[in-house]
Amino acid sequence: MHIKIQKPVFESIINQAVAFADKKDNTQITSHILIIADENLVIKATDKEIGIKIKTQAEILEKGKATINAKKLNDIIKTLQNKDIEIKKENDQITIKQDTSIYKLSSFNAEEFPEFPNPDNLNKLNIKNEEFIDAIKKIFPVIDNNNPKYELNGALFDIKDKTNFVSTDTRRLALYKSEAKGAEGKIIVPKRSVSEIKRIFNDEMEIFYDDIYLILKNENVLFFTKLINGKYPAYEKIIPQSFKYSLIFNKNEFLSHLKQISIVSNEVKISITKEKVIFESFADETIQAKTSFDYNCEIDEFVFAVNSRYIIDFLNVINSNDFKLNLNEPNIPFELEEGNFITIIMPLNI
């Protein structure tokens, strides 16, 4: 294998691919990326749980394939100038050359690099791409971290004649209702994978799935992730069917006052009256903050407390200038709503 490629092009691809390689064990082939020089140049990286394949143009001087340690290659490419780079494989050694700079790295047997799943026999999720990325961006902040119930460390795609995108950290639940259609199934996508999808997804990708994999692909990129094997909680039971009060607020006004209190404390008491909305810190009596804005409604007084970050996360991802706050009683879950996106939040005890 012998190729020549422009440094900025190669650097961009390797920078994407390095996140998919195994960083823990350099003795494994999954710590390497695979370079395939054929009609085009193909770069593959995977830790077997998640992977990416990227196709690009390069000058192919000799066809072949080779593996190179992903981190070392990435570090080397960053130090080189914006000129052509030559990469050549001879026996089990890789030479990276630019002008007088020469690096020699060892290589694994390229034939042992893990195979990628094929999307040809998988189900297709029919959804507009801009809606898909909007959905996962909105539910992402609510996906849990390191929960002993492993299925909660991922997002649920509840697919049927319509599709619900769901996440929960047990203290709140996010739900994006979509018109997307596909073969019926409930797939759980790991949080890390959702994060990578947000980073690499573009407007031309198609989405495929079965019980084991989720695959995104277009002409030049294929991304795959293994799914979480588990049973997601019955999220529909958590969603209130009706509310006593439904109030509309300006997003920026509400967010500004909430952030003022969160400087002092994440635990915020919110009091809604006929004339005002009042925000107060309450966790620590030695440090206090209070702010309010004028607001007219039919409620005499409604007081509840909440972790401000939960509301801030919701307000930061919605697209509209206004949102709904739906309430029943101060000590039971309330709902934030914007269009087809809702977040159910458990209040704090005052």
Protein backbone atom coordinates (compact mmCIF):
# COMPACT_ATOMS: atom_id res chain seq x y z
CA MET A 1 0.00 0.00 0.00
CA HIS A 2 1.26 3.45 -0.92
CA ILE A 3 -0.82 6.65 -0.93
CA LYS A 4 -0.39 10.40 -1.16
CA ILE A 5 -3.02 12.70 0.35
CA GLN A 6 -3.43 16.34 1.30
CA LYS A 7 -2.77 16.89 4.99
CA PRO A 8 -5.95 18.94 5.77
CA VAL A 9 -8.17 16.27 4.17
CA PHE A 10 -6.46 13.41 5.96
CA GLU A 11 -6.34 15.25 9.28
CA SER A 12 -10.09 15.91 9.19
CA ILE A 13 -10.87 12.23 8.57
CA ILE A 14 -8.45 10.88 11.17
CA ASN A 15 -9.74 13.36 13.72
CA GLN A 16 -13.22 11.89 13.22
CA ALA A 17 -12.06 8.29 13.22
CA VAL A 18 -9.83 8.37 16.31
CA ALA A 19 -12.86 8.67 18.62
CA PHE A 20 -14.03 5.23 17.50
CA ALA A 21 -10.78 3.34 18.15
CA ASP A 22 -10.06 1.44 21.37
CA LYS A 23 -8.01 3.72 23.63
CA LYS A 24 -7.49 1.28 26.51
CA ASP A 25 -5.37 -1.49 25.03
CA ASN A 26 -2.73 -0.82 22.34
CA THR A 27 -2.11 -4.55 21.96
CA GLN A 28 -5.52 -4.93 20.29
CA ILE A 29 -6.10 -4.31 16.59
CA THR A 30 -9.09 -2.16 17.53
CA SER A 31 -6.61 0.48 18.81
CA HIS A 32 -5.65 0.90 15.15
CA ILE A 33 -7.47 2.38 12.21
CA LEU A 34 -7.65 0.44 8.96
CA ILE A 35 -6.58 2.19 5.75
CA ILE A 36 -7.78 0.60 2.49
CA ALA A 37 -6.29 1.94 -0.74
CA ASP A 38 -8.30 0.78 -3.75
CA GLU A 39 -10.31 2.83 -6.25
CA ASN A 40 -10.83 5.29 -3.38
CA LEU A 41 -9.28 5.67 0.04
CA VAL A 42 -11.33 4.13 2.88
CA ILE A 43 -10.65 4.70 6.58
CA LYS A 44 -12.26 2.41 9.19
CA ALA A 45 -12.16 2.56 12.99
CA THR A 46 -14.04 0.53 15.59
CA ASP A 47 -13.84 -0.76 19.15
CA LYS A 48 -16.44 -3.42 18.16
CA GLU A 49 -19.23 -1.56 19.98
CA ILE A 50 -19.23 1.47 17.70
CA GLY A 51 -17.53 2.17 14.39
CA ILE A 52 -17.12 4.49 11.41
CA LYS A 53 -16.09 4.07 7.77
CA ILE A 54 -15.16 7.13 5.71
CA LYS A 55 -14.45 7.19 1.97
CA THR A 56 -12.40 9.97 0.38
CA GLN A 57 -10.18 10.81 -2.60
CA ALA A 58 -6.42 10.30 -2.56
CA GLU A 59 -3.62 9.51 -4.97
CA ILE A 60 -3.31 5.72 -4.89
CA LEU A 61 0.29 4.87 -5.80
CA GLU A 62 -0.08 1.23 -4.81
CA LYS A 63 -3.25 -0.59 -3.75
CA GLY A 64 -3.40 -2.43 -0.46
CA LYS A 65 -4.44 -2.11 3.16
CA ALA A 66 -2.75 -1.46 6.48
CA THR A 67 -3.51 -0.73 10.13
CA ILE A 68 -1.96 2.18 12.06
CA ASN A 69 -2.30 3.07 15.74
CA ALA A 70 -5.08 5.68 15.73
CA LYS A 71 -3.76 7.93 18.50
CA LYS A 72 -0.17 7.95 17.26
CA LEU A 73 -1.30 8.66 13.70
CA ASN A 74 -3.57 11.47 14.85
CA ASP A 75 -0.77 13.04 16.91
CA ILE A 76 1.69 12.80 14.01
CA ILE A 77 -0.68 14.32 11.44
CA LYS A 78 -1.40 17.30 13.71
CA THR A 79 2.31 18.23 13.81
CA LEU A 80 2.82 18.16 10.02
CA GLN A 81 2.52 21.08 7.62
CA ASN A 82 -0.39 21.67 5.22
CA LYS A 83 1.26 19.74 2.39
CA ASP A 84 0.87 16.30 0.87
CA ILE A 85 1.60 13.31 3.11
CA GLU A 86 2.85 9.95 1.88
CA ILE A 87 1.93 6.74 3.70
CA LYS A 88 3.55 3.49 2.63
CA LYS A 89 3.39 -0.06 3.98
CA GLU A 90 6.38 -2.37 3.68
CA ASN A 91 6.07 -5.75 5.39
CA ASP A 92 4.66 -4.99 8.89
CA GLN A 93 5.93 -1.42 9.02
CA ILE A 94 4.20 1.83 8.07
CA THR A 95 6.18 4.85 6.91
CA ILE A 96 4.63 8.33 7.13
CA LYS A 97 6.61 10.94 5.23
CA GLN A 98 6.40 14.66 4.53
CA ASP A 99 9.51 16.39 3.17
CA THR A 100 12.28 15.60 5.68
CA SER A 101 9.87 14.35 8.39
CA ILE A 102 9.72 10.55 8.52
CA TYR A 103 7.86 8.34 11.01
CA LYS A 104 7.90 4.55 11.13
CA LEU A 105 5.16 2.64 12.99
CA SER A 106 4.34 -1.03 13.41
CA SER A 107 1.20 -2.53 11.89
CA PHE A 108 -1.14 -5.44 12.61
CA ASN A 109 -2.42 -7.92 10.05
CA ALA A 110 -5.09 -5.90 8.20
CA GLU A 111 -7.06 -9.07 7.40
CA GLU A 112 -7.85 -9.46 11.11
CA PHE A 113 -9.57 -6.07 11.38
CA PRO A 114 -13.19 -6.51 12.56
CA GLU A 115 -15.91 -6.71 9.92
CA PHE A 116 -18.59 -4.00 9.87
CA PRO A 117 -22.33 -4.82 9.82
CA ASN A 118 -24.14 -4.59 6.49
CA PRO A 119 -27.26 -2.39 6.37
CA ASP A 120 -28.71 -4.12 3.28
CA ASN A 121 -30.99 -6.50 5.20
CA LEU A 122 -31.91 -4.09 8.02
CA ASN A 123 -35.11 -2.11 8.56
CA LYS A 124 -35.15 1.51 7.45
CA LEU A 125 -36.37 4.38 9.59
CA ASN A 126 -38.22 6.84 7.37
CA ILE A 127 -37.66 10.27 8.90
CA LYS A 128 -36.62 13.70 7.69
CA ASN A 129 -32.98 14.15 8.59
CA GLU A 130 -33.43 17.57 10.18
CA GLU A 131 -36.16 16.13 12.42
CA PHE A 132 -33.96 13.20 13.46
CA ILE A 133 -31.08 15.40 14.55
CA ASP A 134 -33.51 17.77 16.30
CA ALA A 135 -35.02 14.84 18.20
CA ILE A 136 -31.74 13.41 19.48
CA LYS A 137 -30.36 16.83 20.41
CA LYS A 138 -33.45 17.48 22.53
CA ILE A 139 -33.49 14.18 24.39
CA PHE A 140 -29.70 13.87 24.80
CA PRO A 141 -29.31 15.90 28.04
CA VAL A 142 -31.74 13.59 29.85
CA ILE A 143 -29.94 10.31 29.06
CA ASP A 144 -28.55 8.92 32.31
CA ASN A 145 -24.88 8.21 33.13
CA ASN A 146 -23.61 5.03 34.80
CA ASN A 147 -27.02 3.85 35.95
CA PRO A 148 -26.96 0.27 37.30
CA LYS A 149 -29.97 -0.34 35.05
CA TYR A 150 -27.87 -0.28 31.90
CA GLU A 151 -30.80 0.37 29.57
CA LEU A 152 -31.24 3.83 31.14
CA ASN A 153 -27.77 4.78 29.85
CA GLY A 154 -29.25 5.04 26.39
CA ALA A 155 -32.06 6.61 24.39
CA LEU A 156 -35.13 4.63 23.37
CA PHE A 157 -36.33 4.76 19.77
CA ASP A 158 -39.90 3.41 20.05
CA ILE A 159 -40.66 2.75 16.39
CA LYS A 160 -44.03 1.87 14.83
CA ASP A 161 -46.47 3.79 12.59
CA LYS A 162 -45.15 6.81 14.53
CA THR A 163 -41.94 7.04 16.53
CA ASN A 164 -41.18 8.30 20.02
CA PHE A 165 -37.63 9.27 20.95
CA VAL A 166 -37.30 8.90 24.73
CA SER A 167 -34.72 9.38 27.48
CA THR A 168 -34.80 9.45 31.28
CA ASP A 169 -32.45 9.80 34.23
CA THR A 170 -35.22 8.70 36.68
CA ARG A 171 -35.75 12.29 37.87
CA ARG A 172 -37.04 13.54 34.52
CA LEU A 173 -38.23 12.12 31.23
CA ALA A 174 -37.81 13.64 27.76
CA LEU A 175 -40.09 12.65 24.88
CA TYR A 176 -39.98 13.77 21.25
CA LYS A 177 -43.01 12.67 19.22
CA SER A 178 -42.26 12.10 15.54
CA GLU A 179 -44.16 11.06 12.43
CA ALA A 180 -41.23 8.78 11.51
CA LYS A 181 -42.21 5.28 10.39
CA GLY A 182 -40.46 1.94 10.37
CA ALA A 183 -40.80 -1.73 11.21
CA GLU A 184 -42.11 -1.99 14.77
CA GLY A 185 -39.41 -2.22 17.40
CA LYS A 186 -37.97 -0.71 20.57
CA ILE A 187 -34.23 -0.08 20.22
CA ILE A 188 -31.99 1.45 22.90
CA VAL A 189 -29.04 3.49 21.60
CA PRO A 190 -26.10 4.04 24.02
CA LYS A 191 -25.48 7.61 25.16
CA ARG A 192 -21.97 7.61 23.70
CA SER A 193 -23.41 6.63 20.33
CA VAL A 194 -26.04 9.37 20.45
CA SER A 195 -23.25 11.84 21.18
CA GLU A 196 -21.27 10.66 18.14
CA ILE A 197 -24.37 10.79 15.93
CA LYS A 198 -24.85 14.44 16.89
CA ARG A 199 -21.25 15.08 15.86
CA ILE A 200 -21.09 13.25 12.53
CA PHE A 201 -24.68 13.28 11.24
CA ASN A 202 -25.31 15.21 8.04
CA ASP A 203 -28.27 15.96 5.82
CA GLU A 204 -27.84 13.04 3.41
CA MET A 205 -27.74 10.07 5.78
CA GLU A 206 -30.13 7.11 5.81
CA ILE A 207 -30.97 5.27 9.03
CA PHE A 208 -31.17 1.46 9.37
CA TYR A 209 -31.73 -0.79 12.37
CA ASP A 210 -32.49 -4.26 13.68
CA ASP A 211 -32.32 -5.81 17.17
CA ILE A 212 -28.52 -5.58 17.31
CA TYR A 213 -27.36 -2.54 15.32
CA LEU A 214 -28.24 1.00 14.38
CA ILE A 215 -26.54 2.12 11.17
CA LEU A 216 -26.34 5.56 9.57
CA LYS A 217 -24.92 5.83 6.07
CA ASN A 218 -24.52 7.89 2.95
CA GLU A 219 -22.24 7.67 -0.07
CA ASN A 220 -19.07 8.49 1.87
CA VAL A 221 -19.75 7.63 5.53
CA LEU A 222 -21.07 4.58 7.40
CA PHE A 223 -21.58 4.72 11.16
CA PHE A 224 -22.71 1.79 13.29
CA THR A 225 -23.39 1.14 16.94
CA LYS A 226 -24.40 -1.92 18.85
CA LEU A 227 -27.65 -1.46 20.74
CA ILE A 228 -28.26 -1.95 24.45
CA ASN A 229 -29.93 -5.26 25.16
CA GLY A 230 -32.58 -4.56 27.77
CA LYS A 231 -36.17 -3.58 28.46
CA TYR A 232 -36.84 0.12 28.70
CA PRO A 233 -39.24 1.34 31.43
CA ALA A 234 -42.92 1.82 30.50
CA TYR A 235 -42.45 5.53 29.96
CA GLU A 236 -46.05 6.14 28.83
CA LYS A 237 -47.27 5.51 32.40
CA ILE A 238 -45.18 8.40 33.70
CA ILE A 239 -46.79 11.00 31.43
CA PRO A 240 -49.78 12.82 33.02
CA GLN A 241 -52.94 12.61 30.94
CA SER A 242 -54.26 16.05 31.98
CA PHE A 243 -53.29 19.19 33.88
CA LYS A 244 -55.06 21.72 36.06
CA TYR A 245 -52.99 24.63 34.77
CA SER A 246 -51.27 25.33 31.46
CA LEU A 247 -49.19 28.51 31.39
CA ILE A 248 -47.26 30.03 28.49
CA PHE A 249 -43.94 31.77 29.15
CA ASN A 250 -41.30 33.54 27.11
CA LYS A 251 -38.27 31.26 26.98
CA ASN A 252 -35.58 33.95 27.29
CA GLU A 253 -37.29 35.78 30.15
CA PHE A 254 -37.82 32.59 32.17
CA LEU A 255 -34.30 31.35 31.42
CA SER A 256 -32.67 34.64 32.41
CA HIS A 257 -34.28 34.70 35.86
CA LEU A 258 -33.63 31.00 36.44
CA LYS A 259 -29.93 31.43 35.64
CA GLN A 260 -29.67 34.31 38.09
CA ILE A 261 -30.74 32.00 40.93
CA SER A 262 -28.66 29.05 39.72
CA ILE A 263 -25.50 31.11 40.31
CA VAL A 264 -26.20 30.68 44.03
CA SER A 265 -28.09 27.37 44.06
CA ASN A 266 -29.39 24.77 41.62
CA GLU A 267 -32.34 24.21 43.94
CA VAL A 268 -34.89 26.89 43.08
CA LYS A 269 -38.31 27.65 44.54
CA ILE A 270 -40.74 29.06 41.97
CA SER A 271 -43.87 30.89 43.12
CA ILE A 272 -46.55 31.71 40.56
CA THR A 273 -49.21 34.25 41.55
CA LYS A 274 -51.81 36.29 39.69
CA GLU A 275 -49.30 39.07 39.10
CA LYS A 276 -45.75 37.67 39.35
CA VAL A 277 -43.43 34.73 38.95
CA ILE A 278 -40.88 34.68 41.78
CA PHE A 279 -37.63 32.69 41.80
CA GLU A 280 -35.79 32.05 45.08
CA SER A 281 -32.90 29.93 46.27
CA PHE A 282 -33.77 27.79 49.27
CA ALA A 283 -31.16 25.10 49.90
CA ASP A 284 -28.73 27.23 51.92
CA GLU A 285 -30.01 29.96 54.24
CA THR A 286 -26.56 31.59 54.45
CA ILE A 287 -26.54 32.38 50.71
CA GLN A 288 -29.73 33.66 49.15
CA ALA A 289 -30.95 34.97 45.81
CA LYS A 290 -34.32 36.21 44.63
CA THR A 291 -35.70 37.64 41.40
CA SER A 292 -39.07 37.95 39.67
CA PHE A 293 -40.94 39.18 36.61
CA ASP A 294 -44.49 40.41 36.08
CA TYR A 295 -46.96 37.82 34.84
CA ASN A 296 -50.77 37.71 34.74
CA CYS A 297 -52.67 34.45 35.24
CA GLU A 298 -55.68 33.02 37.07
CA ILE A 299 -53.69 31.13 39.72
CA ASP A 300 -53.92 32.57 43.23
CA GLU A 301 -50.64 30.95 44.25
CA PHE A 302 -48.70 27.87 43.13
CA VAL A 303 -45.34 27.13 44.77
CA PHE A 304 -42.97 24.34 43.77
CA ALA A 305 -39.24 23.63 43.80
CA VAL A 306 -37.00 22.12 41.17
CA ASN A 307 -33.40 21.50 40.18
CA SER A 308 -32.92 24.48 37.87
CA ARG A 309 -30.61 22.54 35.55
CA TYR A 310 -33.54 20.38 34.44
CA ILE A 311 -35.51 23.38 33.19
CA ILE A 312 -32.40 25.05 31.77
CA ASP A 313 -31.57 21.91 29.76
CA PHE A 314 -35.08 22.00 28.26
CA LEU A 315 -35.00 25.71 27.45
CA ASN A 316 -31.54 25.46 25.87
CA VAL A 317 -32.65 22.92 23.25
CA ILE A 318 -36.10 24.18 22.21
CA ASN A 319 -36.51 26.18 19.01
CA SER A 320 -39.52 28.39 19.84
CA ASN A 321 -39.55 31.67 21.74
CA ASP A 322 -42.33 30.42 24.02
CA PHE A 323 -43.01 27.21 25.95
CA LYS A 324 -45.77 25.75 28.13
CA LEU A 325 -45.51 24.92 31.80
CA ASN A 326 -48.19 22.35 32.67
CA LEU A 327 -49.01 21.84 36.36
CA ASN A 328 -51.21 19.74 38.63
CA GLU A 329 -50.04 19.78 42.27
CA PRO A 330 -46.78 21.19 43.74
CA ASN A 331 -45.48 17.80 44.89
CA ILE A 332 -46.14 15.73 41.74
CA PRO A 333 -44.37 15.80 38.35
CA PHE A 334 -44.93 18.78 36.07
CA GLU A 335 -44.44 19.10 32.33
CA LEU A 336 -42.52 21.45 30.06
CA GLU A 337 -43.86 21.48 26.50
CA GLU A 338 -42.79 22.89 23.16
CA GLY A 339 -44.60 21.55 20.12
CA ASN A 340 -44.03 17.79 19.90
CA PHE A 341 -41.31 17.81 22.59
CA ILE A 342 -42.03 17.45 26.31
CA THR A 343 -40.01 16.95 29.48
CA ILE A 344 -41.62 15.57 32.65
CA ILE A 345 -39.80 16.67 35.83
CA MET A 346 -40.07 15.46 39.41
CA PRO A 347 -40.18 18.48 41.78
CA LEU A 348 -38.10 18.81 44.94
CA ASN A 349 -39.50 18.74 48.46
CA ILE A 350 -39.47 22.21 49.97
